[in-house]
Amino acid sequence: MNIERLQMKGLLSESKKKYKKLDCDASGLIFLVRSYLFPYEEDVTTLKVDKALSAVEKLKNTVEEMKLLKEKIKSLEVDLA
């Protein structure tokens, strides 16, 4: 097996591991946003909107990074096939 192929396999493995970590992070952020915007609060003014906004921005960045990684993984898999 040539060295380039081994390097590509390593890169694919690292990319998949990073994707899984980001997926876990995204799930946690979704849970966090839901907890900040608890819909059964008696007074809407007590909702933690600023914290929710910050978490949503982090979630957006995480999802964008996941999309890029997904394309990279797909490309590596095609090249290794």
C-alpha atoms as a PDB file:
ATOM      1  CA  MET A   1       0.000   0.000   0.000  1.00  0.00           C
ATOM      2  CA  ASN A   2       1.473   3.363  -0.931  1.00  0.00           C
ATOM      3  CA  ILE A   3       2.158   6.164   1.532  1.00  0.00           C
ATOM      4  CA  GLU A   4      -0.317   8.632  -0.019  1.00  0.00           C
ATOM      5  CA  ARG A   5      -3.161   6.167   0.414  1.00  0.00           C
ATOM      6  CA  LEU A   6      -2.221   5.595   4.058  1.00  0.00           C
ATOM      7  CA  GLN A   7      -2.120   9.355   4.642  1.00  0.00           C
ATOM      8  CA  MET A   8      -5.556   9.733   3.075  1.00  0.00           C
ATOM      9  CA  LYS A   9      -6.920   6.963   5.307  1.00  0.00           C
ATOM     10  CA  GLY A  10      -5.473   8.715   8.353  1.00  0.00           C
ATOM     11  CA  LEU A  11      -7.000  12.014   7.277  1.00  0.00           C
ATOM     12  CA  LEU A  12     -10.348  10.300   6.717  1.00  0.00           C
ATOM     13  CA  SER A  13     -10.211   8.734  10.163  1.00  0.00           C
ATOM     14  CA  GLU A  14      -9.346  12.070  11.817  1.00  0.00           C
ATOM     15  CA  SER A  15     -12.109  13.838   9.893  1.00  0.00           C
ATOM     16  CA  LYS A  16     -14.699  11.262  10.959  1.00  0.00           C
ATOM     17  CA  LYS A  17     -13.588  11.536  14.586  1.00  0.00           C
ATOM     18  CA  LYS A  18     -13.826  15.335  14.471  1.00  0.00           C
ATOM     19  CA  TYR A  19     -17.263  15.113  12.811  1.00  0.00           C
ATOM     20  CA  LYS A  20     -18.540  12.858  15.613  1.00  0.00           C
ATOM     21  CA  LYS A  21     -17.220  15.257  18.249  1.00  0.00           C
ATOM     22  CA  LEU A  22     -18.892  18.214  16.522  1.00  0.00           C
ATOM     23  CA  ASP A  23     -22.133  16.228  16.271  1.00  0.00           C
ATOM     24  CA  CYS A  24     -22.022  15.629  20.025  1.00  0.00           C
ATOM     25  CA  ASP A  25     -21.275  19.321  20.632  1.00  0.00           C
ATOM     26  CA  ALA A  26     -24.219  20.311  18.413  1.00  0.00           C
ATOM     27  CA  SER A  27     -26.567  18.032  20.338  1.00  0.00           C
ATOM     28  CA  GLY A  28     -25.456  19.617  23.594  1.00  0.00           C
ATOM     29  CA  LEU A  29     -25.952  23.115  22.208  1.00  0.00           C
ATOM     30  CA  ILE A  30     -29.463  22.256  21.040  1.00  0.00           C
ATOM     31  CA  PHE A  31     -30.294  21.004  24.532  1.00  0.00           C
ATOM     32  CA  LEU A  32     -28.790  24.166  26.030  1.00  0.00           C
ATOM     33  CA  VAL A  33     -30.839  26.458  23.772  1.00  0.00           C
ATOM     34  CA  ARG A  34     -34.003  24.593  24.704  1.00  0.00           C
ATOM     35  CA  SER A  35     -33.237  24.991  28.389  1.00  0.00           C
ATOM     36  CA  TYR A  36     -32.689  28.743  27.979  1.00  0.00           C
ATOM     37  CA  LEU A  37     -35.971  29.120  26.105  1.00  0.00           C
ATOM     38  CA  PHE A  38     -38.103  26.983  28.384  1.00  0.00           C
ATOM     39  CA  PRO A  39     -41.595  27.575  26.921  1.00  0.00           C
ATOM     40  CA  TYR A  40     -43.523  27.086  30.169  1.00  0.00           C
ATOM     41  CA  GLU A  41     -41.986  30.053  31.942  1.00  0.00           C
ATOM     42  CA  GLU A  42     -44.651  32.206  33.575  1.00  0.00           C
ATOM     43  CA  ASP A  43     -42.998  35.468  32.548  1.00  0.00           C
ATOM     44  CA  VAL A  44     -41.419  35.715  29.101  1.00  0.00           C
ATOM     45  CA  THR A  45     -39.080  38.443  30.320  1.00  0.00           C
ATOM     46  CA  THR A  46     -37.267  35.905  32.506  1.00  0.00           C
ATOM     47  CA  LEU A  47     -36.141  33.839  29.512  1.00  0.00           C
ATOM     48  CA  LYS A  48     -32.374  33.766  29.017  1.00  0.00           C
ATOM     49  CA  VAL A  49     -32.540  35.122  25.479  1.00  0.00           C
ATOM     50  CA  ASP A  50     -28.984  36.502  25.392  1.00  0.00           C
ATOM     51  CA  LYS A  51     -27.523  33.173  26.460  1.00  0.00           C
ATOM     52  CA  ALA A  52     -29.731  31.375  23.944  1.00  0.00           C
ATOM     53  CA  LEU A  53     -28.537  33.677  21.170  1.00  0.00           C
ATOM     54  CA  SER A  54     -24.910  32.998  22.047  1.00  0.00           C
ATOM     55  CA  ALA A  55     -25.540  29.243  22.038  1.00  0.00           C
ATOM     56  CA  VAL A  56     -27.361  29.455  18.691  1.00  0.00           C
ATOM     57  CA  GLU A  57     -24.418  31.323  17.170  1.00  0.00           C
ATOM     58  CA  LYS A  58     -22.061  28.584  18.400  1.00  0.00           C
ATOM     59  CA  LEU A  59     -24.460  25.998  17.008  1.00  0.00           C
ATOM     60  CA  LYS A  60     -24.507  27.748  13.629  1.00  0.00           C
ATOM     61  CA  ASN A  61     -20.694  27.737  13.467  1.00  0.00           C
ATOM     62  CA  THR A  62     -20.595  24.085  14.503  1.00  0.00           C
ATOM     63  CA  VAL A  63     -23.106  23.093  11.824  1.00  0.00           C
ATOM     64  CA  GLU A  64     -21.177  25.013   9.156  1.00  0.00           C
ATOM     65  CA  GLU A  65     -17.975  23.228  10.157  1.00  0.00           C
ATOM     66  CA  MET A  66     -19.813  19.890  10.067  1.00  0.00           C
ATOM     67  CA  LYS A  67     -21.033  20.585   6.532  1.00  0.00           C
ATOM     68  CA  LEU A  68     -17.475  21.263   5.366  1.00  0.00           C
ATOM     69  CA  LEU A  69     -16.210  18.126   7.074  1.00  0.00           C
ATOM     70  CA  LYS A  70     -19.017  16.065   5.558  1.00  0.00           C
ATOM     71  CA  GLU A  71     -17.951  17.141   2.060  1.00  0.00           C
ATOM     72  CA  LYS A  72     -14.300  16.427   2.881  1.00  0.00           C
ATOM     73  CA  ILE A  73     -15.181  12.950   4.164  1.00  0.00           C
ATOM     74  CA  LYS A  74     -17.274  12.228   1.082  1.00  0.00           C
ATOM     75  CA  SER A  75     -14.417  13.344  -1.187  1.00  0.00           C
ATOM     76  CA  LEU A  76     -11.844  11.246   0.663  1.00  0.00           C
ATOM     77  CA  GLU A  77     -14.086   8.192   0.526  1.00  0.00           C
ATOM     78  CA  VAL A  78     -14.537   8.611  -3.227  1.00  0.00           C
ATOM     79  CA  ASP A  79     -10.789   8.993  -3.715  1.00  0.00           C
ATOM     80  CA  LEU A  80     -10.077   5.888  -1.653  1.00  0.00           C
ATOM     81  CA  ALA A  81     -12.700   3.750  -3.412  1.00  0.00           C
END
